[in-house]
mmCIF file of all heavy atoms, coordinates in Angstrom:
data_MODEL
# 
_entry.id   MODEL 
# 
loop_
_atom_site.group_PDB 
_atom_site.id 
_atom_site.type_symbol 
_atom_site.label_atom_id 
_atom_site.label_alt_id 
_atom_site.label_comp_id 
_atom_site.label_asym_id 
_atom_site.label_entity_id 
_atom_site.label_seq_id 
_atom_site.pdbx_PDB_ins_code 
_atom_site.Cartn_x 
_atom_site.Cartn_y 
_atom_site.Cartn_z 
_atom_site.occupancy 
_atom_site.B_iso_or_equiv 
_atom_site.pdbx_formal_charge 
_atom_site.auth_seq_id 
_atom_site.auth_comp_id 
_atom_site.auth_asym_id 
_atom_site.auth_atom_id 
_atom_site.pdbx_PDB_model_num 
ATOM 1   N N   . GLU A 1 1  ? -12.240 19.554  -28.059 1.00 0.00 ? 1  GLU A N   1 
ATOM 2   C CA  . GLU A 1 1  ? -11.186 18.560  -27.954 1.00 0.00 ? 1  GLU A CA  1 
ATOM 3   C C   . GLU A 1 1  ? -10.997 18.144  -26.497 1.00 0.00 ? 1  GLU A C   1 
ATOM 4   O O   . GLU A 1 1  ? -11.120 18.965  -25.587 1.00 0.00 ? 1  GLU A O   1 
ATOM 5   C CB  . GLU A 1 1  ? -9.868  19.107  -28.509 1.00 0.00 ? 1  GLU A CB  1 
ATOM 6   C CG  . GLU A 1 1  ? -9.898  19.334  -30.009 1.00 0.00 ? 1  GLU A CG  1 
ATOM 7   C CD  . GLU A 1 1  ? -8.541  19.759  -30.539 1.00 0.00 ? 1  GLU A CD  1 
ATOM 8   O OE1 . GLU A 1 1  ? -7.618  19.977  -29.712 1.00 0.00 ? 1  GLU A OE1 1 
ATOM 9   O OE2 . GLU A 1 1  ? -8.393  19.878  -31.770 1.00 0.00 ? 1  GLU A OE2 1 
ATOM 10  N N   . PHE A 1 2  ? -10.708 16.884  -26.290 1.00 0.00 ? 2  PHE A N   1 
ATOM 11  C CA  . PHE A 1 2  ? -10.498 16.418  -24.926 1.00 0.00 ? 2  PHE A CA  1 
ATOM 12  C C   . PHE A 1 2  ? -9.441  15.314  -24.917 1.00 0.00 ? 2  PHE A C   1 
ATOM 13  O O   . PHE A 1 2  ? -9.149  14.678  -25.932 1.00 0.00 ? 2  PHE A O   1 
ATOM 14  C CB  . PHE A 1 2  ? -11.800 15.883  -24.308 1.00 0.00 ? 2  PHE A CB  1 
ATOM 15  C CG  . PHE A 1 2  ? -12.270 14.573  -24.898 1.00 0.00 ? 2  PHE A CG  1 
ATOM 16  C CD1 . PHE A 1 2  ? -11.824 13.357  -24.393 1.00 0.00 ? 2  PHE A CD1 1 
ATOM 17  C CD2 . PHE A 1 2  ? -13.152 14.551  -25.979 1.00 0.00 ? 2  PHE A CD2 1 
ATOM 18  C CE1 . PHE A 1 2  ? -12.246 12.159  -24.933 1.00 0.00 ? 2  PHE A CE1 1 
ATOM 19  C CE2 . PHE A 1 2  ? -13.575 13.350  -26.521 1.00 0.00 ? 2  PHE A CE2 1 
ATOM 20  C CZ  . PHE A 1 2  ? -13.121 12.148  -25.991 1.00 0.00 ? 2  PHE A CZ  1 
ATOM 21  N N   . ALA A 1 3  ? -8.869  15.117  -23.730 1.00 0.00 ? 3  ALA A N   1 
ATOM 22  C CA  . ALA A 1 3  ? -7.966  13.993  -23.485 1.00 0.00 ? 3  ALA A CA  1 
ATOM 23  C C   . ALA A 1 3  ? -8.316  13.435  -22.117 1.00 0.00 ? 3  ALA A C   1 
ATOM 24  O O   . ALA A 1 3  ? -8.635  14.189  -21.198 1.00 0.00 ? 3  ALA A O   1 
ATOM 25  C CB  . ALA A 1 3  ? -6.516  14.434  -23.531 1.00 0.00 ? 3  ALA A CB  1 
ATOM 26  N N   . GLN A 1 4  ? -8.282  12.129  -21.990 1.00 0.00 ? 4  GLN A N   1 
ATOM 27  C CA  . GLN A 1 4  ? -8.601  11.483  -20.711 1.00 0.00 ? 4  GLN A CA  1 
ATOM 28  C C   . GLN A 1 4  ? -7.485  10.517  -20.325 1.00 0.00 ? 4  GLN A C   1 
ATOM 29  O O   . GLN A 1 4  ? -7.046  9.718   -21.155 1.00 0.00 ? 4  GLN A O   1 
ATOM 30  C CB  . GLN A 1 4  ? -9.894  10.664  -20.803 1.00 0.00 ? 4  GLN A CB  1 
ATOM 31  C CG  . GLN A 1 4  ? -11.158 11.482  -20.943 1.00 0.00 ? 4  GLN A CG  1 
ATOM 32  C CD  . GLN A 1 4  ? -12.392 10.602  -20.763 1.00 0.00 ? 4  GLN A CD  1 
ATOM 33  O OE1 . GLN A 1 4  ? -12.514 9.859   -19.795 1.00 0.00 ? 4  GLN A OE1 1 
ATOM 34  N NE2 . GLN A 1 4  ? -13.315 10.694  -21.687 1.00 0.00 ? 4  GLN A NE2 1 
ATOM 35  N N   . GLU A 1 5  ? -7.056  10.610  -19.095 1.00 0.00 ? 5  GLU A N   1 
ATOM 36  C CA  . GLU A 1 5  ? -6.168  9.603   -18.521 1.00 0.00 ? 5  GLU A CA  1 
ATOM 37  C C   . GLU A 1 5  ? -7.009  8.791   -17.543 1.00 0.00 ? 5  GLU A C   1 
ATOM 38  O O   . GLU A 1 5  ? -7.584  9.350   -16.605 1.00 0.00 ? 5  GLU A O   1 
ATOM 39  C CB  . GLU A 1 5  ? -4.992  10.256  -17.796 1.00 0.00 ? 5  GLU A CB  1 
ATOM 40  C CG  . GLU A 1 5  ? -4.061  11.027  -18.711 1.00 0.00 ? 5  GLU A CG  1 
ATOM 41  C CD  . GLU A 1 5  ? -2.912  11.667  -17.955 1.00 0.00 ? 5  GLU A CD  1 
ATOM 42  O OE1 . GLU A 1 5  ? -2.716  11.326  -16.760 1.00 0.00 ? 5  GLU A OE1 1 
ATOM 43  O OE2 . GLU A 1 5  ? -2.218  12.519  -18.536 1.00 0.00 ? 5  GLU A OE2 1 
ATOM 44  N N   . ILE A 1 6  ? -7.096  7.501   -17.771 1.00 0.00 ? 6  ILE A N   1 
ATOM 45  C CA  . ILE A 1 6  ? -8.004  6.656   -17.005 1.00 0.00 ? 6  ILE A CA  1 
ATOM 46  C C   . ILE A 1 6  ? -7.235  5.504   -16.358 1.00 0.00 ? 6  ILE A C   1 
ATOM 47  O O   . ILE A 1 6  ? -6.436  4.840   -17.010 1.00 0.00 ? 6  ILE A O   1 
ATOM 48  C CB  . ILE A 1 6  ? -9.114  6.068   -17.907 1.00 0.00 ? 6  ILE A CB  1 
ATOM 49  C CG1 . ILE A 1 6  ? -9.857  7.198   -18.634 1.00 0.00 ? 6  ILE A CG1 1 
ATOM 50  C CG2 . ILE A 1 6  ? -10.086 5.227   -17.085 1.00 0.00 ? 6  ILE A CG2 1 
ATOM 51  C CD1 . ILE A 1 6  ? -10.842 6.684   -19.679 1.00 0.00 ? 6  ILE A CD1 1 
ATOM 52  N N   . ASN A 1 7  ? -7.474  5.312   -15.075 1.00 0.00 ? 7  ASN A N   1 
ATOM 53  C CA  . ASN A 1 7  ? -6.961  4.142   -14.377 1.00 0.00 ? 7  ASN A CA  1 
ATOM 54  C C   . ASN A 1 7  ? -8.154  3.382   -13.825 1.00 0.00 ? 7  ASN A C   1 
ATOM 55  O O   . ASN A 1 7  ? -8.970  3.932   -13.084 1.00 0.00 ? 7  ASN A O   1 
ATOM 56  C CB  . ASN A 1 7  ? -6.017  4.534   -13.237 1.00 0.00 ? 7  ASN A CB  1 
ATOM 57  C CG  . ASN A 1 7  ? -5.632  3.347   -12.360 1.00 0.00 ? 7  ASN A CG  1 
ATOM 58  O OD1 . ASN A 1 7  ? -6.199  3.146   -11.293 1.00 0.00 ? 7  ASN A OD1 1 
ATOM 59  N ND2 . ASN A 1 7  ? -4.688  2.545   -12.810 1.00 0.00 ? 7  ASN A ND2 1 
ATOM 60  N N   . MET A 1 8  ? -8.286  2.103   -14.207 1.00 0.00 ? 8  MET A N   1 
ATOM 61  C CA  . MET A 1 8  ? -9.399  1.282   -13.737 1.00 0.00 ? 8  MET A CA  1 
ATOM 62  C C   . MET A 1 8  ? -8.847  0.042   -13.049 1.00 0.00 ? 8  MET A C   1 
ATOM 63  O O   . MET A 1 8  ? -7.952  -0.622  -13.581 1.00 0.00 ? 8  MET A O   1 
ATOM 64  C CB  . MET A 1 8  ? -10.298 0.871   -14.904 1.00 0.00 ? 8  MET A CB  1 
ATOM 65  C CG  . MET A 1 8  ? -10.976 2.035   -15.601 1.00 0.00 ? 8  MET A CG  1 
ATOM 66  S SD  . MET A 1 8  ? -12.027 1.506   -16.994 1.00 0.00 ? 8  MET A SD  1 
ATOM 67  C CE  . MET A 1 8  ? -10.771 0.969   -18.172 1.00 0.00 ? 8  MET A CE  1 
ATOM 68  N N   . VAL A 1 9  ? -9.392  -0.260  -11.889 1.00 0.00 ? 9  VAL A N   1 
ATOM 69  C CA  . VAL A 1 9  ? -8.963  -1.437  -11.134 1.00 0.00 ? 9  VAL A CA  1 
ATOM 70  C C   . VAL A 1 9  ? -10.199 -2.258  -10.783 1.00 0.00 ? 9  VAL A C   1 
ATOM 71  O O   . VAL A 1 9  ? -11.162 -1.737  -10.223 1.00 0.00 ? 9  VAL A O   1 
ATOM 72  C CB  . VAL A 1 9  ? -8.208  -1.050  -9.840  1.00 0.00 ? 9  VAL A CB  1 
ATOM 73  C CG1 . VAL A 1 9  ? -7.791  -2.315  -9.078  1.00 0.00 ? 9  VAL A CG1 1 
ATOM 74  C CG2 . VAL A 1 9  ? -6.988  -0.194  -10.155 1.00 0.00 ? 9  VAL A CG2 1 
ATOM 75  N N   . LEU A 1 10 ? -10.159 -3.533  -11.126 1.00 0.00 ? 10 LEU A N   1 
ATOM 76  C CA  . LEU A 1 10 ? -11.240 -4.455  -10.797 1.00 0.00 ? 10 LEU A CA  1 
ATOM 77  C C   . LEU A 1 10 ? -10.676 -5.549  -9.904  1.00 0.00 ? 10 LEU A C   1 
ATOM 78  O O   . LEU A 1 10 ? -9.679  -6.189  -10.252 1.00 0.00 ? 10 LEU A O   1 
ATOM 79  C CB  . LEU A 1 10 ? -11.821 -5.071  -12.064 1.00 0.00 ? 10 LEU A CB  1 
ATOM 80  C CG  . LEU A 1 10 ? -12.888 -6.161  -11.891 1.00 0.00 ? 10 LEU A CG  1 
ATOM 81  C CD1 . LEU A 1 10 ? -14.146 -5.589  -11.266 1.00 0.00 ? 10 LEU A CD1 1 
ATOM 82  C CD2 . LEU A 1 10 ? -13.211 -6.819  -13.224 1.00 0.00 ? 10 LEU A CD2 1 
ATOM 83  N N   . GLN A 1 11 ? -11.290 -5.744  -8.734  1.00 0.00 ? 11 GLN A N   1 
ATOM 84  C CA  . GLN A 1 11 ? -10.809 -6.765  -7.811  1.00 0.00 ? 11 GLN A CA  1 
ATOM 85  C C   . GLN A 1 11 ? -11.956 -7.653  -7.351  1.00 0.00 ? 11 GLN A C   1 
ATOM 86  O O   . GLN A 1 11 ? -13.088 -7.191  -7.161  1.00 0.00 ? 11 GLN A O   1 
ATOM 87  C CB  . GLN A 1 11 ? -10.136 -6.123  -6.601  1.00 0.00 ? 11 GLN A CB  1 
ATOM 88  C CG  . GLN A 1 11 ? -8.850  -5.415  -6.954  1.00 0.00 ? 11 GLN A CG  1 
ATOM 89  C CD  . GLN A 1 11 ? -7.882  -5.364  -5.790  1.00 0.00 ? 11 GLN A CD  1 
ATOM 90  O OE1 . GLN A 1 11 ? -6.815  -5.955  -5.821  1.00 0.00 ? 11 GLN A OE1 1 
ATOM 91  N NE2 . GLN A 1 11 ? -8.251  -4.648  -4.760  1.00 0.00 ? 11 GLN A NE2 1 
ATOM 92  N N   . LEU A 1 12 ? -11.635 -8.927  -7.169  1.00 0.00 ? 12 LEU A N   1 
ATOM 93  C CA  . LEU A 1 12 ? -12.599 -9.914  -6.706  1.00 0.00 ? 12 LEU A CA  1 
ATOM 94  C C   . LEU A 1 12 ? -11.966 -10.700 -5.577  1.00 0.00 ? 12 LEU A C   1 
ATOM 95  O O   . LEU A 1 12 ? -10.783 -11.032 -5.626  1.00 0.00 ? 12 LEU A O   1 
ATOM 96  C CB  . LEU A 1 12 ? -12.965 -10.866 -7.857  1.00 0.00 ? 12 LEU A CB  1 
ATOM 97  C CG  . LEU A 1 12 ? -14.023 -11.934 -7.558  1.00 0.00 ? 12 LEU A CG  1 
ATOM 98  C CD1 . LEU A 1 12 ? -15.413 -11.325 -7.597  1.00 0.00 ? 12 LEU A CD1 1 
ATOM 99  C CD2 . LEU A 1 12 ? -13.913 -13.075 -8.574  1.00 0.00 ? 12 LEU A CD2 1 
ATOM 100 N N   . ALA A 1 13 ? -12.747 -10.985 -4.534  1.00 0.00 ? 13 ALA A N   1 
ATOM 101 C CA  . ALA A 1 13 ? -12.232 -11.773 -3.418  1.00 0.00 ? 13 ALA A CA  1 
ATOM 102 C C   . ALA A 1 13 ? -13.329 -12.684 -2.906  1.00 0.00 ? 13 ALA A C   1 
ATOM 103 O O   . ALA A 1 13 ? -14.492 -12.271 -2.770  1.00 0.00 ? 13 ALA A O   1 
ATOM 104 C CB  . ALA A 1 13 ? -11.739 -10.867 -2.290  1.00 0.00 ? 13 ALA A CB  1 
ATOM 105 N N   . ALA A 1 14 ? -12.974 -13.944 -2.630  1.00 0.00 ? 14 ALA A N   1 
ATOM 106 C CA  . ALA A 1 14 ? -13.926 -14.849 -2.004  1.00 0.00 ? 14 ALA A CA  1 
ATOM 107 C C   . ALA A 1 14 ? -14.217 -14.340 -0.600  1.00 0.00 ? 14 ALA A C   1 
ATOM 108 O O   . ALA A 1 14 ? -13.324 -13.909 0.121   1.00 0.00 ? 14 ALA A O   1 
ATOM 109 C CB  . ALA A 1 14 ? -13.351 -16.262 -1.952  1.00 0.00 ? 14 ALA A CB  1 
ATOM 110 N N   . GLY A 1 15 ? -15.483 -14.350 -0.213  1.00 0.00 ? 15 GLY A N   1 
ATOM 111 C CA  . GLY A 1 15 ? -15.874 -13.824 1.093   1.00 0.00 ? 15 GLY A CA  1 
ATOM 112 C C   . GLY A 1 15 ? -16.589 -12.498 0.965   1.00 0.00 ? 15 GLY A C   1 
ATOM 113 O O   . GLY A 1 15 ? -17.173 -12.184 -0.075  1.00 0.00 ? 15 GLY A O   1 
ATOM 114 N N   . THR A 1 16 ? -16.550 -11.701 2.004   1.00 0.00 ? 16 THR A N   1 
ATOM 115 C CA  . THR A 1 16 ? -17.221 -10.408 2.016   1.00 0.00 ? 16 THR A CA  1 
ATOM 116 C C   . THR A 1 16 ? -16.228 -9.291  1.709   1.00 0.00 ? 16 THR A C   1 
ATOM 117 O O   . THR A 1 16 ? -15.038 -9.537  1.521   1.00 0.00 ? 16 THR A O   1 
ATOM 118 C CB  . THR A 1 16 ? -17.882 -10.142 3.382   1.00 0.00 ? 16 THR A CB  1 
ATOM 119 O OG1 . THR A 1 16 ? -16.863 -10.122 4.383   1.00 0.00 ? 16 THR A OG1 1 
ATOM 120 C CG2 . THR A 1 16 ? -18.890 -11.233 3.715   1.00 0.00 ? 16 THR A CG2 1 
ATOM 121 N N   . SER A 1 17 ? -16.719 -8.049  1.678   1.00 0.00 ? 17 SER A N   1 
ATOM 122 C CA  . SER A 1 17 ? -15.883 -6.918  1.278   1.00 0.00 ? 17 SER A CA  1 
ATOM 123 C C   . SER A 1 17 ? -14.705 -6.691  2.211   1.00 0.00 ? 17 SER A C   1 
ATOM 124 O O   . SER A 1 17 ? -13.728 -6.041  1.818   1.00 0.00 ? 17 SER A O   1 
ATOM 125 C CB  . SER A 1 17 ? -16.734 -5.641  1.184   1.00 0.00 ? 17 SER A CB  1 
ATOM 126 O OG  . SER A 1 17 ? -17.516 -5.446  2.330   1.00 0.00 ? 17 SER A OG  1 
ATOM 127 N N   . GLU A 1 18 ? -14.754 -7.214  3.420   1.00 0.00 ? 18 GLU A N   1 
ATOM 128 C CA  . GLU A 1 18 ? -13.601 -7.058  4.304   1.00 0.00 ? 18 GLU A CA  1 
ATOM 129 C C   . GLU A 1 18 ? -12.420 -7.904  3.838   1.00 0.00 ? 18 GLU A C   1 
ATOM 130 O O   . GLU A 1 18 ? -11.288 -7.704  4.276   1.00 0.00 ? 18 GLU A O   1 
ATOM 131 C CB  . GLU A 1 18 ? -13.955 -7.410  5.741   1.00 0.00 ? 18 GLU A CB  1 
ATOM 132 C CG  . GLU A 1 18 ? -14.194 -8.876  5.986   1.00 0.00 ? 18 GLU A CG  1 
ATOM 133 C CD  . GLU A 1 18 ? -14.388 -9.184  7.469   1.00 0.00 ? 18 GLU A CD  1 
ATOM 134 O OE1 . GLU A 1 18 ? -14.809 -8.284  8.207   1.00 0.00 ? 18 GLU A OE1 1 
ATOM 135 O OE2 . GLU A 1 18 ? -14.102 -10.317 7.863   1.00 0.00 ? 18 GLU A OE2 1 
ATOM 136 N N   . ASN A 1 19 ? -12.660 -8.844  2.910   1.00 0.00 ? 19 ASN A N   1 
ATOM 137 C CA  . ASN A 1 19 ? -11.590 -9.660  2.367   1.00 0.00 ? 19 ASN A CA  1 
ATOM 138 C C   . ASN A 1 19 ? -10.863 -8.994  1.201   1.00 0.00 ? 19 ASN A C   1 
ATOM 139 O O   . ASN A 1 19 ? -9.863  -9.518  0.718   1.00 0.00 ? 19 ASN A O   1 
ATOM 140 C CB  . ASN A 1 19 ? -12.130 -11.016 1.905   1.00 0.00 ? 19 ASN A CB  1 
ATOM 141 C CG  . ASN A 1 19 ? -12.715 -11.825 3.049   1.00 0.00 ? 19 ASN A CG  1 
ATOM 142 O OD1 . ASN A 1 19 ? -13.922 -11.928 3.187   1.00 0.00 ? 19 ASN A OD1 1 
ATOM 143 N ND2 . ASN A 1 19 ? -11.868 -12.370 3.904   1.00 0.00 ? 19 ASN A ND2 1 
ATOM 144 N N   . LEU A 1 20 ? -11.382 -7.852  0.753   1.00 0.00 ? 20 LEU A N   1 
ATOM 145 C CA  . LEU A 1 20 ? -10.709 -7.116  -0.310  1.00 0.00 ? 20 LEU A CA  1 
ATOM 146 C C   . LEU A 1 20 ? -9.458  -6.448  0.243   1.00 0.00 ? 20 LEU A C   1 
ATOM 147 O O   . LEU A 1 20 ? -9.455  -5.979  1.385   1.00 0.00 ? 20 LEU A O   1 
ATOM 148 C CB  . LEU A 1 20 ? -11.637 -6.046  -0.903  1.00 0.00 ? 20 LEU A CB  1 
ATOM 149 C CG  . LEU A 1 20 ? -12.807 -6.565  -1.742  1.00 0.00 ? 20 LEU A CG  1 
ATOM 150 C CD1 . LEU A 1 20 ? -13.817 -5.447  -1.964  1.00 0.00 ? 20 LEU A CD1 1 
ATOM 151 C CD2 . LEU A 1 20 ? -12.317 -7.108  -3.085  1.00 0.00 ? 20 LEU A CD2 1 
ATOM 152 N N   . PRO A 1 21 ? -8.384  -6.362  -0.547  1.00 0.00 ? 21 PRO A N   1 
ATOM 153 C CA  . PRO A 1 21 ? -7.167  -5.699  -0.071  1.00 0.00 ? 21 PRO A CA  1 
ATOM 154 C C   . PRO A 1 21 ? -7.443  -4.246  0.271   1.00 0.00 ? 21 PRO A C   1 
ATOM 155 O O   . PRO A 1 21 ? -8.263  -3.578  -0.356  1.00 0.00 ? 21 PRO A O   1 
ATOM 156 C CB  . PRO A 1 21 ? -6.221  -5.800  -1.277  1.00 0.00 ? 21 PRO A CB  1 
ATOM 157 C CG  . PRO A 1 21 ? -6.725  -6.962  -2.053  1.00 0.00 ? 21 PRO A CG  1 
ATOM 158 C CD  . PRO A 1 21 ? -8.223  -6.953  -1.871  1.00 0.00 ? 21 PRO A CD  1 
ATOM 159 N N   . ALA A 1 22 ? -6.746  -3.748  1.282   1.00 0.00 ? 22 ALA A N   1 
ATOM 160 C CA  . ALA A 1 22 ? -6.966  -2.369  1.735   1.00 0.00 ? 22 ALA A CA  1 
ATOM 161 C C   . ALA A 1 22 ? -6.346  -1.345  0.805   1.00 0.00 ? 22 ALA A C   1 
ATOM 162 O O   . ALA A 1 22 ? -6.653  -0.168  0.885   1.00 0.00 ? 22 ALA A O   1 
ATOM 163 C CB  . ALA A 1 22 ? -6.386  -2.187  3.139   1.00 0.00 ? 22 ALA A CB  1 
ATOM 164 N N   . ASP A 1 23 ? -5.479  -1.791  -0.120  1.00 0.00 ? 23 ASP A N   1 
ATOM 165 C CA  . ASP A 1 23 ? -4.762  -0.831  -0.957  1.00 0.00 ? 23 ASP A CA  1 
ATOM 166 C C   . ASP A 1 23 ? -5.412  -0.627  -2.315  1.00 0.00 ? 23 ASP A C   1 
ATOM 167 O O   . ASP A 1 23 ? -4.788  -0.142  -3.243  1.00 0.00 ? 23 ASP A O   1 
ATOM 168 C CB  . ASP A 1 23 ? -3.312  -1.276  -1.161  1.00 0.00 ? 23 ASP A CB  1 
ATOM 169 C CG  . ASP A 1 23 ? -3.201  -2.615  -1.854  1.00 0.00 ? 23 ASP A CG  1 
ATOM 170 O OD1 . ASP A 1 23 ? -4.241  -3.260  -2.049  1.00 0.00 ? 23 ASP A OD1 1 
ATOM 171 O OD2 . ASP A 1 23 ? -2.076  -3.010  -2.192  1.00 0.00 ? 23 ASP A OD2 1 
ATOM 172 N N   . GLU A 1 24 ? -6.705  -1.008  -2.474  1.00 0.00 ? 24 GLU A N   1 
ATOM 173 C CA  . GLU A 1 24 ? -7.309  -0.875  -3.787  1.00 0.00 ? 24 GLU A CA  1 
ATOM 174 C C   . GLU A 1 24 ? -8.067  0.434   -3.960  1.00 0.00 ? 24 GLU A C   1 
ATOM 175 O O   . GLU A 1 24 ? -8.902  0.571   -4.822  1.00 0.00 ? 24 GLU A O   1 
ATOM 176 C CB  . GLU A 1 24 ? -8.225  -2.059  -4.099  1.00 0.00 ? 24 GLU A CB  1 
ATOM 177 C CG  . GLU A 1 24 ? -9.155  -2.501  -2.999  1.00 0.00 ? 24 GLU A CG  1 
ATOM 178 C CD  . GLU A 1 24 ? -10.331 -1.583  -2.759  1.00 0.00 ? 24 GLU A CD  1 
ATOM 179 O OE1 . GLU A 1 24 ? -11.182 -1.463  -3.614  1.00 0.00 ? 24 GLU A OE1 1 
ATOM 180 O OE2 . GLU A 1 24 ? -10.357 -0.960  -1.705  1.00 0.00 ? 24 GLU A OE2 1 
ATOM 181 N N   . ALA A 1 25 ? -7.780  1.446   -3.122  1.00 0.00 ? 25 ALA A N   1 
ATOM 182 C CA  . ALA A 1 25 ? -8.396  2.752   -3.274  1.00 0.00 ? 25 ALA A CA  1 
ATOM 183 C C   . ALA A 1 25 ? -7.889  3.416   -4.551  1.00 0.00 ? 25 ALA A C   1 
ATOM 184 O O   . ALA A 1 25 ? -6.816  3.087   -5.043  1.00 0.00 ? 25 ALA A O   1 
ATOM 185 C CB  . ALA A 1 25 ? -8.062  3.634   -2.071  1.00 0.00 ? 25 ALA A CB  1 
ATOM 186 N N   . PRO A 1 26 ? -8.661  4.366   -5.131  1.00 0.00 ? 26 PRO A N   1 
ATOM 187 C CA  . PRO A 1 26 ? -8.205  5.039   -6.337  1.00 0.00 ? 26 PRO A CA  1 
ATOM 188 C C   . PRO A 1 26 ? -6.857  5.725   -6.132  1.00 0.00 ? 26 PRO A C   1 
ATOM 189 O O   . PRO A 1 26 ? -6.498  6.105   -5.032  1.00 0.00 ? 26 PRO A O   1 
ATOM 190 C CB  . PRO A 1 26 ? -9.309  6.087   -6.588  1.00 0.00 ? 26 PRO A CB  1 
ATOM 191 C CG  . PRO A 1 26 ? -10.500 5.540   -5.902  1.00 0.00 ? 26 PRO A CG  1 
ATOM 192 C CD  . PRO A 1 26 ? -9.981  4.806   -4.701  1.00 0.00 ? 26 PRO A CD  1 
ATOM 193 N N   . LYS A 1 27 ? -6.116  5.864   -7.205  1.00 0.00 ? 27 LYS A N   1 
ATOM 194 C CA  . LYS A 1 27 ? -4.826  6.535   -7.139  1.00 0.00 ? 27 LYS A CA  1 
ATOM 195 C C   . LYS A 1 27 ? -4.998  8.005   -6.799  1.00 0.00 ? 27 LYS A C   1 
ATOM 196 O O   . LYS A 1 27 ? -6.064  8.594   -6.971  1.00 0.00 ? 27 LYS A O   1 
ATOM 197 C CB  . LYS A 1 27 ? -4.090  6.405   -8.480  1.00 0.00 ? 27 LYS A CB  1 
ATOM 198 C CG  . LYS A 1 27 ? -3.613  4.989   -8.773  1.00 0.00 ? 27 LYS A CG  1 
ATOM 199 C CD  . LYS A 1 27 ? -2.832  4.969   -10.067 1.00 0.00 ? 27 LYS A CD  1 
ATOM 200 C CE  . LYS A 1 27 ? -2.273  3.575   -10.325 1.00 0.00 ? 27 LYS A CE  1 
ATOM 201 N NZ  . LYS A 1 27 ? -1.503  3.515   -11.586 1.00 0.00 ? 27 LYS A NZ  1 
ATOM 202 N N   . ASP A 1 28 ? -3.923  8.625   -6.364  1.00 0.00 ? 28 ASP A N   1 
ATOM 203 C CA  . ASP A 1 28 ? -3.884  10.056  -6.045  1.00 0.00 ? 28 ASP A CA  1 
ATOM 204 C C   . ASP A 1 28 ? -4.870  10.424  -4.950  1.00 0.00 ? 28 ASP A C   1 
ATOM 205 O O   . ASP A 1 28 ? -5.448  11.522  -4.964  1.00 0.00 ? 28 ASP A O   1 
ATOM 206 C CB  . ASP A 1 28 ? -4.170  10.908  -7.295  1.00 0.00 ? 28 ASP A CB  1 
ATOM 207 C CG  . ASP A 1 28 ? -3.157  10.629  -8.384  1.00 0.00 ? 28 ASP A CG  1 
ATOM 208 O OD1 . ASP A 1 28 ? -1.963  10.438  -8.045  1.00 0.00 ? 28 ASP A OD1 1 
ATOM 209 O OD2 . ASP A 1 28 ? -3.538  10.600  -9.551  1.00 0.00 ? 28 ASP A OD2 1 
# 
């Protein structure tokens, strides 16, 4: 038996990866 708690975040930004928000790191 198992249980999973999953948080998934998908972000897109025009430009390069430096244009992604800095706060999109995984939780905890």
